[in-house]
Protein backbone atom coordinates (compact mmCIF):
# COMPACT_ATOMS: atom_id res chain seq x y z
CA MET A 1 15.34 14.76 -21.73
CA LEU A 2 17.85 14.83 -18.84
CA ALA A 3 15.28 13.10 -16.61
CA ILE A 4 14.94 10.29 -19.14
CA VAL A 5 18.69 9.94 -19.61
CA GLY A 6 19.22 9.95 -15.82
CA ASP A 7 16.55 7.34 -15.37
CA ILE A 8 18.08 4.98 -17.94
CA ILE A 9 21.63 5.45 -16.48
CA LEU A 10 20.36 4.69 -12.95
CA GLY A 11 18.51 1.69 -14.32
CA TYR A 12 21.61 0.38 -16.07
CA LEU A 13 23.74 0.67 -12.95
CA THR A 14 21.10 -1.06 -10.94
CA VAL A 15 20.83 -3.97 -13.41
CA GLU A 16 24.62 -4.40 -13.49
CA LEU A 17 24.73 -4.32 -9.72
CA LEU A 18 21.99 -6.83 -9.05
CA MET A 19 22.16 -9.14 -12.11
CA PHE A 20 25.87 -10.14 -11.69
CA ASP A 21 24.69 -13.62 -10.72
CA LYS A 22 21.16 -14.51 -11.78
CA LYS A 23 21.36 -17.98 -10.20
CA TYR A 24 22.20 -16.52 -6.82
CA LEU A 25 19.49 -13.89 -7.18
CA GLY A 26 16.89 -16.56 -8.12
CA THR A 27 17.84 -18.59 -5.04
CA LEU A 28 17.56 -15.46 -2.87
CA ILE A 29 14.13 -14.63 -4.25
CA LEU A 30 12.79 -18.16 -3.78
CA GLY A 31 14.22 -18.22 -0.22
CA MET A 32 12.39 -14.99 0.60
CA LEU A 33 9.16 -16.30 -0.81
CA GLU A 34 9.51 -19.55 1.02
CA LYS A 35 10.05 -17.71 4.32
CA LEU A 36 7.00 -15.59 3.58
CA VAL A 37 4.84 -18.66 2.98
CA ASN A 38 6.23 -20.44 6.07
CA LEU A 39 5.55 -17.27 8.09
CA MET A 40 1.93 -17.26 6.90
CA TYR A 41 1.57 -20.98 7.61
CA SER A 42 2.91 -20.60 11.18
CA LEU A 43 0.74 -17.56 11.74
CA LEU A 44 -2.40 -19.45 10.70
CA LYS A 45 -1.46 -22.38 12.95
CA TRP A 46 -0.97 -19.90 15.82
CA LEU A 47 -4.40 -18.36 15.17
CA MET A 48 -6.00 -21.81 15.07
CA GLY A 49 -4.87 -22.39 18.61
CA ALA A 50 -5.28 -19.78 21.42
CA PRO A 51 -3.72 -16.61 20.13
CA ALA A 52 -2.60 -14.20 22.89
CA GLY A 53 -4.42 -16.46 25.38
CA LEU A 54 -7.85 -15.70 23.96
CA LYS A 55 -10.52 -18.43 23.95
CA LEU A 56 -12.12 -18.44 20.51
CA ASN A 57 -14.90 -20.46 19.05
CA ASN A 58 -13.09 -23.78 18.43
CA ALA A 59 -15.22 -25.15 15.56
CA PHE A 60 -15.45 -21.84 13.68
CA ASN A 61 -11.74 -21.14 14.27
CA LYS A 62 -10.71 -24.60 12.95
CA MET A 63 -12.96 -24.15 9.84
CA LEU A 64 -11.51 -20.71 9.01
CA GLY A 65 -7.89 -21.89 9.66
CA LYS A 66 -8.18 -24.91 7.42
CA PHE A 67 -9.88 -22.84 4.66
CA PHE A 68 -7.05 -20.34 4.72
CA LEU A 69 -4.31 -22.95 5.02
CA TYR A 70 -5.66 -24.52 1.81
CA HIS A 71 -5.02 -21.21 -0.06
CA VAL A 72 -1.55 -20.91 1.29
CA GLU A 73 -0.74 -24.52 0.17
CA LEU A 74 -2.18 -23.73 -3.26
CA TRP A 75 0.04 -20.72 -3.51
CA TRP A 76 3.18 -22.65 -2.42
CA LEU A 77 2.37 -25.29 -5.13
CA PHE A 78 2.20 -22.46 -7.73
CA LEU A 79 5.58 -21.07 -6.60
CA ASP A 80 7.07 -24.53 -6.71
CA VAL A 81 5.88 -25.03 -10.24
CA SER A 82 6.98 -21.57 -11.42
CA SER A 83 10.47 -21.80 -9.78
CA ASP A 84 11.72 -23.71 -12.91
CA LYS A 85 10.90 -20.74 -15.06
CA LEU A 86 12.48 -18.17 -12.72
CA ASP A 87 15.69 -17.94 -14.74
CA ILE A 88 13.70 -17.01 -17.89
CA ILE A 89 11.77 -14.46 -15.87
CA LEU A 90 14.94 -12.85 -14.51
CA SER A 91 16.43 -12.74 -18.01
CA VAL A 92 13.35 -10.89 -19.28
CA CYS A 93 13.39 -8.56 -16.35
CA GLN A 94 17.14 -7.89 -16.94
CA TYR A 95 16.51 -6.64 -20.52
CA LEU A 96 13.37 -4.68 -19.48
CA GLY A 97 15.44 -3.09 -16.62
CA TYR A 98 17.58 -1.27 -19.23
CA LEU A 99 14.50 0.87 -19.95
CA GLY A 100 15.12 2.75 -16.76
CA PHE A 101 15.03 2.62 -12.96
CA THR A 102 11.38 3.64 -12.85
CA PHE A 103 10.53 0.58 -15.02
CA GLN A 104 12.39 -1.59 -12.47
CA ALA A 105 10.54 -0.08 -9.57
CA ALA A 106 7.25 -0.80 -11.36
CA ILE A 107 8.29 -4.38 -11.89
CA ILE A 108 9.18 -4.69 -8.16
CA SER A 109 5.80 -3.31 -7.26
CA ASP A 110 4.05 -5.90 -9.40
CA MET A 111 6.24 -8.65 -7.92
CA ILE A 112 5.12 -7.55 -4.42
CA CYS A 113 1.50 -7.93 -5.53
CA MET A 114 2.27 -11.44 -6.83
CA ALA A 115 4.24 -12.44 -3.72
CA THR A 116 1.47 -11.34 -1.40
CA PHE A 117 -1.42 -12.66 -3.51
CA HIS A 118 -2.24 -15.48 -1.07
CA SER A 119 -2.39 -13.03 1.89
CA TYR A 120 -4.55 -10.66 -0.22
CA CYS A 121 -7.08 -13.46 -0.90
CA ILE A 122 -7.25 -14.30 2.79
CA TYR A 123 -7.71 -10.61 3.60
CA ILE A 124 -10.56 -10.36 1.12
CA TYR A 125 -12.36 -13.35 2.71
CA ALA A 126 -11.78 -12.12 6.28
CA ALA A 127 -12.88 -8.55 5.40
CA ARG A 128 -16.01 -9.73 3.66
CA LEU A 129 -16.93 -11.97 6.63
CA PHE A 130 -16.24 -9.21 9.10
CA ASN A 131 -18.28 -6.74 7.09
CA ILE A 132 -21.26 -9.19 6.99
CA GLN A 133 -21.09 -9.71 10.74
CA ILE A 134 -20.83 -5.97 11.55
CA SER A 135 -23.68 -5.16 9.12
CA GLY A 136 -25.77 -8.00 10.66
CA LEU A 137 -25.15 -6.78 14.25
CA ILE A 138 -26.04 -3.17 13.30
CA ALA A 139 -29.27 -4.31 11.64
CA LEU A 140 -30.27 -6.51 14.62
CA LEU A 141 -29.57 -3.64 17.02
CA ARG A 142 -32.15 -1.64 15.16
CA LEU A 143 -34.57 -4.54 15.70
CA PHE A 144 -34.29 -4.21 19.51
CA VAL A 145 -35.28 -0.55 19.45
CA GLY A 146 -38.09 -0.97 16.95
CA ARG A 147 -36.33 0.46 13.87
CA LYS A 148 -35.50 -0.85 10.43
CA TYR A 149 -33.60 0.42 7.37
CA ASN A 150 -35.78 1.57 4.45
CA PRO A 151 -33.78 1.15 1.20
CA LEU A 152 -36.33 3.13 -0.81
CA ARG A 153 -35.92 6.33 1.33
CA GLY A 154 -32.40 5.63 2.38
CA GLY A 155 -33.27 6.25 6.04
CA ILE A 156 -34.42 4.58 9.27
CA ASP A 157 -38.14 3.95 9.87
CA SER A 158 -40.10 2.82 12.88
CA CYS A 159 -41.34 -0.73 12.85
CA GLU A 160 -43.23 -3.06 15.13
CA TYR A 161 -41.96 -6.57 15.47
CA THR A 162 -43.66 -9.74 16.72
CA ASN A 163 -42.37 -11.86 19.57
CA GLN A 164 -41.24 -14.53 17.11
CA GLN A 165 -39.27 -11.96 15.11
CA LEU A 166 -37.60 -10.64 18.28
CA PHE A 167 -36.74 -14.14 19.40
CA VAL A 168 -35.12 -15.05 16.02
CA GLY A 169 -33.32 -11.67 16.05
CA THR A 170 -31.99 -12.30 19.51
CA VAL A 171 -30.67 -15.74 18.57
CA ALA A 172 -29.02 -14.38 15.40
CA PHE A 173 -27.51 -11.45 17.31
CA THR A 174 -26.04 -13.78 19.91
CA ILE A 175 -24.53 -16.11 17.28
CA LEU A 176 -22.97 -13.22 15.28
CA LEU A 177 -21.67 -11.60 18.49
CA LEU A 178 -20.04 -14.78 19.79
CA LEU A 179 -18.40 -15.55 16.34
CA LEU A 180 -17.12 -11.92 15.94
CA PRO A 181 -13.92 -12.33 18.11
CA THR A 182 -12.69 -15.26 15.98
CA THR A 183 -13.29 -13.35 12.71
CA LEU A 184 -11.73 -10.22 14.21
CA MET A 185 -8.47 -11.99 15.00
CA TYR A 186 -8.02 -13.14 11.39
CA TYR A 187 -9.19 -9.76 10.07
CA ILE A 188 -6.73 -7.72 12.21
CA VAL A 189 -3.70 -9.86 11.22
CA PHE A 190 -4.33 -9.95 7.46
CA THR A 191 -5.44 -6.28 7.30
CA ALA A 192 -2.04 -5.42 8.76
CA PHE A 193 -0.39 -7.47 5.97
CA ARG A 194 -2.50 -5.67 3.37
CA ILE A 195 -1.72 -2.19 4.67
CA LEU A 196 1.98 -3.03 4.81
CA SER A 197 1.93 -4.26 1.18
CA LEU A 198 0.05 -1.11 0.07
CA PHE A 199 2.55 1.08 1.91
CA LEU A 200 5.50 -0.56 0.16
CA GLN A 201 3.81 -0.02 -3.21
CA PHE A 202 3.12 3.59 -2.35
CA LEU A 203 6.75 4.18 -1.50
CA LEU A 204 7.79 2.65 -4.87
CA SER A 205 5.31 4.77 -6.79
CA LYS A 206 6.54 7.88 -4.89
CA ILE A 207 10.15 7.09 -6.00
CA ILE A 208 8.99 6.65 -9.57
CA TYR A 209 7.11 9.98 -9.42
CA VAL A 210 10.14 11.86 -7.94
CA ILE A 211 12.54 10.42 -10.55
CA GLN A 212 10.16 11.32 -13.42
CA THR A 213 9.46 14.88 -12.19
CA MET A 214 13.01 15.79 -11.16
CA PRO A 215 14.17 18.83 -13.29
CA TYR A 216 17.85 17.90 -13.43
CA TYR A 217 18.85 20.81 -15.58
CA VAL A 218 17.27 23.39 -13.31
CA LEU A 219 18.80 21.57 -10.31
CA ALA A 220 22.21 21.80 -11.83
CA LEU A 221 21.73 25.58 -12.45
CA TRP A 222 20.60 26.07 -8.87
CA ILE A 223 23.67 24.21 -7.47
CA THR A 224 26.07 26.23 -9.64
CA ARG A 225 24.26 29.50 -8.75
CA SER A 226 23.69 30.36 -12.34
CA PRO A 227 22.24 33.79 -13.07
CA LYS A 228 19.71 32.10 -15.41
CA ILE A 229 17.47 31.24 -12.45
CA SER A 230 17.82 34.56 -10.67
CA GLY A 231 14.79 35.81 -8.85
CA ASN A 232 14.91 38.88 -6.62
CA ILE A 233 17.53 41.69 -6.65
CA LYS A 234 19.10 42.76 -3.39
CA ILE A 235 20.34 46.38 -3.28
CA GLU A 236 22.52 47.59 -0.42
CA GLU A 237 23.88 51.01 0.21
CA VAL A 238 27.69 51.08 0.61
CA LYS A 239 29.41 53.84 2.56
CA GLY A 240 31.37 56.02 0.15
CA PRO A 241 32.72 59.53 -0.17
CA SER A 242 30.55 62.36 1.05
CA GLN A 243 27.61 63.26 -1.18
CA THR A 244 28.10 60.17 -3.25
CA LEU A 245 25.61 57.33 -3.39
CA VAL A 246 27.17 53.90 -3.86
CA LEU A 247 24.86 50.91 -4.31
CA LYS A 248 25.72 47.23 -4.31
CA ILE A 249 23.42 45.04 -6.42
CA LYS A 250 23.29 41.27 -5.91
CA LEU A 251 21.22 38.69 -7.77
CA LEU A 252 19.39 36.15 -5.61
CA ASN A 253 18.42 32.72 -6.88
CA LYS A 254 14.90 31.55 -6.49
CA PRO A 255 14.20 28.91 -3.77
CA LEU A 256 14.66 25.33 -4.86
CA CYS A 257 11.07 24.32 -3.97
CA GLU A 258 9.63 27.09 -6.18
CA LEU A 259 11.92 25.99 -9.07
CA MET A 260 10.85 22.37 -8.66
CA ASP A 261 7.16 23.37 -8.83
CA ASN A 262 7.62 25.67 -11.80
CA PHE A 263 9.78 23.43 -14.00
CA LYS A 264 8.28 20.05 -13.09
CA PRO A 265 7.70 17.90 -16.17
CA PRO A 266 4.01 17.22 -17.10
CA VAL A 267 3.69 13.86 -15.36
CA ARG A 268 0.39 12.77 -13.85
CA GLU A 269 0.44 13.29 -10.13
CA LEU A 270 0.13 10.36 -7.74
CA LYS A 271 -3.16 9.53 -6.07
CA SER A 272 -2.59 10.48 -2.46
CA LEU A 273 -3.47 8.11 0.41
CA GLU A 274 -6.71 9.11 2.11
CA PHE A 275 -6.03 8.35 5.73
CA GLY A 276 -9.55 9.01 6.92
CA ASN A 277 -11.16 6.88 4.25
CA THR A 278 -8.70 4.04 4.85
CA VAL A 279 -9.34 4.06 8.62
CA SER A 280 -13.12 4.07 7.96
CA ASN A 281 -12.83 1.08 5.59
CA VAL A 282 -10.73 -0.84 8.14
CA PHE A 283 -13.31 -0.39 10.97
CA THR A 284 -16.29 -1.32 8.70
CA GLY A 285 -14.64 -4.21 6.89
CA LYS A 286 -14.66 -2.59 3.46
CA GLN A 287 -11.94 -3.46 1.01
CA VAL A 288 -8.75 -1.30 1.32
CA ILE A 289 -7.61 -0.52 -2.21
């Protein structure tokens, strides 16, 4: 109950602090979104040139750049249309914010998803294209050593290829290999955006989890050194008169970490980030969720 009350009080203070001028806040949010879209637009223009002095495939690079720029322009059009309704959205968020700070953090997490939706779409396209190219190169490498993947057995079998098949495979391998650096540049940039967005959402979810599982009553008892949370008993011998045993008994409080674990409210634990799985997905072009 104290956790819920503390959450609501913290949410009320946050609303009163941030919502003192909704018009200024709306202008600030639109300005940040505009800077984000302009940054994405400038970044795509930079990638369509010669990024870091690299010489990419000009035709393929222009095609990818124009395709991704079209999505950014669509997203900017959506923001321009929805800016008229921003005051209504902020008013709704203000009243919902009184439900608690954790509710506000969840709303901010959803707003981050919406604000980075265009970069997420570009990341999905780049990741899918990179995954197709990597899978194609791996399959064609097997062709050169006389191997092929057997989907029925789920393993690699030997196979004899004709000269025509080897010629077509060589041409396809060369095309995929020469187009890979162009795809890789877009994939690296927008994968970094995706990982940064996920990291921010993970931090917000961690804050929500800590607030919901904080045992405020037990914490107050630990700070005040209350005997209600006593753990071990420390007994010391005190020097006294001859042939007289004098003992000093002292109650020791339990460690704070142990109290937090024992009196944690029954809230579903967060899904931890799997670093190894994330790195594997990044290198193979699989979607990072």
